[in-house]
Protein backbone atom coordinates (compact mmCIF):
# COMPACT_ATOMS: atom_id res chain seq x y z
CA MET A 1 12.54 4.09 27.93
CA GLU A 2 13.77 0.56 28.09
CA LEU A 3 12.21 -0.26 24.68
CA ALA A 4 13.91 2.71 23.05
CA GLU A 5 17.27 1.75 24.47
CA LEU A 6 16.74 -1.88 23.26
CA GLU A 7 15.77 -0.64 19.77
CA LEU A 8 18.78 1.65 19.70
CA ASP A 9 21.03 -1.23 20.77
CA SER A 10 19.65 -3.51 18.09
CA ARG A 11 20.13 -0.82 15.42
CA SER A 12 23.71 -0.21 16.52
CA MET A 13 24.30 -3.97 16.49
CA VAL A 14 22.89 -4.23 12.99
CA TRP A 15 24.99 -1.32 11.75
CA SER A 16 28.05 -2.94 13.35
CA VAL A 17 27.42 -6.22 11.56
CA VAL A 18 26.77 -4.41 8.30
CA LEU A 19 29.99 -2.45 8.63
CA LYS A 20 31.99 -5.52 9.43
CA ALA A 21 30.53 -7.35 6.47
CA TYR A 22 31.34 -4.40 4.22
CA VAL A 23 34.94 -4.29 5.49
CA VAL A 24 35.42 -8.04 5.05
CA SER A 25 34.01 -7.88 1.49
CA LEU A 26 36.38 -5.02 0.66
CA LEU A 27 39.33 -6.94 2.01
CA LEU A 28 38.29 -10.01 0.01
CA LEU A 29 37.96 -7.97 -3.16
CA LEU A 30 41.35 -6.38 -2.53
CA SER A 31 43.00 -9.73 -1.98
CA VAL A 32 41.44 -11.15 -5.19
CA LEU A 33 42.72 -8.09 -7.13
CA VAL A 34 46.21 -8.44 -5.67
CA TRP A 35 46.22 -12.16 -6.46
CA SER A 36 45.07 -11.55 -10.05
CA VAL A 37 47.58 -8.80 -10.69
CA GLY A 38 50.33 -10.96 -9.12
CA ASP A 39 49.36 -13.91 -11.34
CA VAL A 40 49.44 -11.74 -14.48
CA TRP A 41 52.73 -10.19 -13.41
CA LEU A 42 54.31 -13.61 -12.84
CA GLN A 43 53.11 -14.79 -16.24
CA TYR A 44 54.63 -11.68 -17.86
CA VAL A 45 57.95 -12.26 -16.10
CA GLN A 46 57.95 -15.89 -17.15
CA ASP A 47 57.24 -14.97 -20.78
CA VAL A 48 60.01 -12.36 -20.81
CA PHE A 49 62.51 -14.70 -19.13
CA THR A 50 61.66 -17.55 -21.47
CA SER A 51 62.05 -15.44 -24.54
CA ALA A 52 65.33 -14.03 -23.27
CA CYS A 53 66.61 -17.58 -22.59
CA VAL A 54 65.58 -18.78 -26.03
CA SER A 55 67.26 -15.76 -27.61
CA ILE A 56 70.48 -16.37 -25.64
CA HIS A 57 70.42 -20.04 -26.50
CA TYR A 58 69.87 -19.24 -30.20
CA SER A 59 72.73 -16.75 -30.17
CA LEU A 60 75.04 -19.18 -28.48
CA SER A 61 74.17 -22.03 -30.82
CA ARG A 62 74.80 -19.79 -33.87
CA SER A 63 78.16 -18.58 -32.56
CA SER A 64 79.32 -22.12 -31.68
CA SER A 65 78.25 -23.49 -35.10
CA SER A 66 80.01 -20.72 -36.98
CA SER A 67 83.29 -21.26 -35.12
């Protein structure tokens, strides 16, 4: 009886470790995905902002030179 309980305990411990490792790996994957999407999003915002600033600067320089 003691051997069966010990075997059951070790199996539950193994499953607990496997489950924890699985959860940690999912959280790591999720954080990498969020980081990647955030990085791409920031690059997109920077590109849009830069092109808008260049466009505004070009418009202002044309209007001041024609005056």
